Amino acid sequence: MNALKNKVQLIGNLGNDPEIISLEGGTKLAKFSMATSDAYKNAQGEKVEETQWHNIVAWGKVAEIAENYLNKGKQVAIAGKLTHRSYETNAGEKRYITEVRCNELLLLT
């Protein structure tokens, strides 16, 4: 059951080309946004489409795949886990961010 504690699976479209960062030692980091959409009918019977945006990060081999094959608009399936972190802006404000750390990536288009 431990494998089910923090697992995210998403299918959606990339909102931007991956930003690739090469770190010391050759490790790569890929960052990109991904949109998922859901549709439902409201109380008046009208179709409502809702889009959610997700921040995705990938490391190592998965980042290299993202660098070589992903670009804005492509449909992908990802699996990973939720991570939370905070940082401080130059103005001294503390900001919080939730990301999906991508462990698996599947190109759908």
C-alpha atoms as a PDB file:
ATOM      1  CA  MET A   1       0.000   0.000   0.000  1.00  0.00           C
ATOM      2  CA  ASN A   2       2.955   2.391   0.332  1.00  0.00           C
ATOM      3  CA  ALA A   3       3.027   2.823  -3.450  1.00  0.00           C
ATOM      4  CA  LEU A   4      -0.477   4.313  -3.320  1.00  0.00           C
ATOM      5  CA  LYS A   5       0.181   6.938  -0.637  1.00  0.00           C
ATOM      6  CA  ASN A   6       1.409   9.721  -2.911  1.00  0.00           C
ATOM      7  CA  LYS A   7       0.742   8.892  -6.548  1.00  0.00           C
ATOM      8  CA  VAL A   8      -0.432  11.223  -9.314  1.00  0.00           C
ATOM      9  CA  GLN A   9      -1.406  10.246 -12.849  1.00  0.00           C
ATOM     10  CA  LEU A  10      -2.347  12.923 -15.369  1.00  0.00           C
ATOM     11  CA  ILE A  11      -3.177  13.092 -19.066  1.00  0.00           C
ATOM     12  CA  GLY A  12      -3.056  16.543 -20.607  1.00  0.00           C
ATOM     13  CA  ASN A  13      -1.334  18.979 -22.915  1.00  0.00           C
ATOM     14  CA  LEU A  14       1.881  20.909 -22.375  1.00  0.00           C
ATOM     15  CA  GLY A  15       1.375  24.628 -21.842  1.00  0.00           C
ATOM     16  CA  ASN A  16       4.944  25.505 -22.776  1.00  0.00           C
ATOM     17  CA  ASP A  17       8.182  23.983 -24.039  1.00  0.00           C
ATOM     18  CA  PRO A  18      10.132  22.346 -21.215  1.00  0.00           C
ATOM     19  CA  GLU A  19      12.696  24.546 -19.498  1.00  0.00           C
ATOM     20  CA  ILE A  20      15.873  22.473 -19.262  1.00  0.00           C
ATOM     21  CA  ILE A  21      18.456  23.158 -16.570  1.00  0.00           C
ATOM     22  CA  SER A  22      21.809  21.352 -16.621  1.00  0.00           C
ATOM     23  CA  LEU A  23      23.240  20.965 -13.138  1.00  0.00           C
ATOM     24  CA  GLU A  24      26.800  20.284 -12.030  1.00  0.00           C
ATOM     25  CA  GLY A  25      27.710  16.663 -12.637  1.00  0.00           C
ATOM     26  CA  GLY A  26      25.563  16.462 -15.782  1.00  0.00           C
ATOM     27  CA  THR A  27      22.173  15.914 -14.138  1.00  0.00           C
ATOM     28  CA  LYS A  28      19.299  17.548 -16.004  1.00  0.00           C
ATOM     29  CA  LEU A  29      16.106  19.087 -14.679  1.00  0.00           C
ATOM     30  CA  ALA A  30      13.047  19.738 -16.847  1.00  0.00           C
ATOM     31  CA  LYS A  31      10.232  22.072 -15.801  1.00  0.00           C
ATOM     32  CA  PHE A  32       6.980  22.551 -17.705  1.00  0.00           C
ATOM     33  CA  SER A  33       3.302  23.264 -17.209  1.00  0.00           C
ATOM     34  CA  MET A  34       0.541  20.871 -18.154  1.00  0.00           C
ATOM     35  CA  ALA A  35      -3.198  21.474 -18.575  1.00  0.00           C
ATOM     36  CA  THR A  36      -5.875  18.911 -17.781  1.00  0.00           C
ATOM     37  CA  SER A  37      -9.521  19.482 -18.673  1.00  0.00           C
ATOM     38  CA  ASP A  38     -12.751  18.140 -17.266  1.00  0.00           C
ATOM     39  CA  ALA A  39     -16.322  18.742 -18.440  1.00  0.00           C
ATOM     40  CA  TYR A  40     -19.606  18.492 -16.571  1.00  0.00           C
ATOM     41  CA  LYS A  41     -23.171  19.803 -16.752  1.00  0.00           C
ATOM     42  CA  ASN A  42     -24.196  22.432 -14.218  1.00  0.00           C
ATOM     43  CA  ALA A  43     -27.604  22.715 -12.510  1.00  0.00           C
ATOM     44  CA  GLN A  44     -29.016  24.494 -15.589  1.00  0.00           C
ATOM     45  CA  GLY A  45     -27.916  21.624 -17.860  1.00  0.00           C
ATOM     46  CA  GLU A  46     -25.178  23.681 -19.531  1.00  0.00           C
ATOM     47  CA  LYS A  47     -21.873  22.052 -20.346  1.00  0.00           C
ATOM     48  CA  VAL A  48     -19.032  23.575 -18.325  1.00  0.00           C
ATOM     49  CA  GLU A  49     -15.391  22.858 -19.152  1.00  0.00           C
ATOM     50  CA  GLU A  50     -12.822  23.386 -16.432  1.00  0.00           C
ATOM     51  CA  THR A  51      -9.062  23.476 -16.996  1.00  0.00           C
ATOM     52  CA  GLN A  52      -6.500  22.900 -14.253  1.00  0.00           C
ATOM     53  CA  TRP A  53      -2.834  23.836 -14.639  1.00  0.00           C
ATOM     54  CA  HIS A  54      -0.093  21.709 -13.077  1.00  0.00           C
ATOM     55  CA  ASN A  55       3.614  22.457 -12.556  1.00  0.00           C
ATOM     56  CA  ILE A  56       5.678  19.416 -13.575  1.00  0.00           C
ATOM     57  CA  VAL A  57       9.334  18.718 -12.778  1.00  0.00           C
ATOM     58  CA  ALA A  58      11.395  15.806 -14.091  1.00  0.00           C
ATOM     59  CA  TRP A  59      14.962  14.789 -13.270  1.00  0.00           C
ATOM     60  CA  GLY A  60      17.665  12.699 -14.956  1.00  0.00           C
ATOM     61  CA  LYS A  61      16.609  10.389 -17.801  1.00  0.00           C
ATOM     62  CA  VAL A  62      12.987  11.570 -17.713  1.00  0.00           C
ATOM     63  CA  ALA A  63      14.231  15.172 -18.088  1.00  0.00           C
ATOM     64  CA  GLU A  64      16.315  14.126 -21.091  1.00  0.00           C
ATOM     65  CA  ILE A  65      13.245  12.533 -22.708  1.00  0.00           C
ATOM     66  CA  ALA A  66      11.290  15.744 -22.050  1.00  0.00           C
ATOM     67  CA  GLU A  67      14.089  17.798 -23.599  1.00  0.00           C
ATOM     68  CA  ASN A  68      14.220  15.681 -26.755  1.00  0.00           C
ATOM     69  CA  TYR A  69      10.551  14.921 -27.407  1.00  0.00           C
ATOM     70  CA  LEU A  70       8.233  17.394 -25.677  1.00  0.00           C
ATOM     71  CA  ASN A  71       7.056  20.787 -26.833  1.00  0.00           C
ATOM     72  CA  LYS A  72       4.115  23.097 -26.298  1.00  0.00           C
ATOM     73  CA  GLY A  73       0.730  21.530 -27.092  1.00  0.00           C
ATOM     74  CA  LYS A  74       1.824  17.871 -27.079  1.00  0.00           C
ATOM     75  CA  GLN A  75      -0.471  15.462 -25.288  1.00  0.00           C
ATOM     76  CA  VAL A  76       1.276  13.342 -22.658  1.00  0.00           C
ATOM     77  CA  ALA A  77       0.511  11.016 -19.781  1.00  0.00           C
ATOM     78  CA  ILE A  78       2.632  11.350 -16.681  1.00  0.00           C
ATOM     79  CA  ALA A  79       2.936   9.478 -13.407  1.00  0.00           C
ATOM     80  CA  GLY A  80       4.661  10.813 -10.347  1.00  0.00           C
ATOM     81  CA  LYS A  81       4.077  12.241  -6.893  1.00  0.00           C
ATOM     82  CA  LEU A  82       3.048  15.562  -5.367  1.00  0.00           C
ATOM     83  CA  THR A  83       5.763  17.676  -3.811  1.00  0.00           C
ATOM     84  CA  HIS A  84       5.485  20.963  -1.919  1.00  0.00           C
ATOM     85  CA  ARG A  85       8.198  23.540  -1.397  1.00  0.00           C
ATOM     86  CA  SER A  86       8.606  27.161  -0.442  1.00  0.00           C
ATOM     87  CA  TYR A  87      10.996  29.889  -1.488  1.00  0.00           C
ATOM     88  CA  GLU A  88      11.619  33.545  -0.753  1.00  0.00           C
ATOM     89  CA  THR A  89      11.314  36.253  -3.405  1.00  0.00           C
ATOM     90  CA  ASN A  90      13.838  39.055  -3.826  1.00  0.00           C
ATOM     91  CA  ALA A  91      11.375  41.276  -1.959  1.00  0.00           C
ATOM     92  CA  GLY A  92      11.493  38.911   1.026  1.00  0.00           C
ATOM     93  CA  GLU A  93       8.023  37.391   0.514  1.00  0.00           C
ATOM     94  CA  LYS A  94       7.619  33.689   1.207  1.00  0.00           C
ATOM     95  CA  ARG A  95       5.931  31.765  -1.633  1.00  0.00           C
ATOM     96  CA  TYR A  96       4.640  28.212  -1.701  1.00  0.00           C
ATOM     97  CA  ILE A  97       4.413  25.943  -4.716  1.00  0.00           C
ATOM     98  CA  THR A  98       2.996  22.492  -5.390  1.00  0.00           C
ATOM     99  CA  GLU A  99       4.581  20.458  -8.179  1.00  0.00           C
ATOM    100  CA  VAL A 100       4.246  16.995  -9.646  1.00  0.00           C
ATOM    101  CA  ARG A 101       7.584  15.180  -9.703  1.00  0.00           C
ATOM    102  CA  CYS A 102       7.340  13.133 -12.887  1.00  0.00           C
ATOM    103  CA  ASN A 103       8.800   9.612 -12.699  1.00  0.00           C
ATOM    104  CA  GLU A 104       7.228   8.250 -15.889  1.00  0.00           C
ATOM    105  CA  LEU A 105       6.307   9.928 -19.147  1.00  0.00           C
ATOM    106  CA  LEU A 106       4.304   8.626 -22.120  1.00  0.00           C
ATOM    107  CA  LEU A 107       3.886  10.552 -25.374  1.00  0.00           C
ATOM    108  CA  LEU A 108       0.322  10.321 -26.669  1.00  0.00           C
ATOM    109  CA  THR A 109       0.530  12.377 -29.881  1.00  0.00           C
END
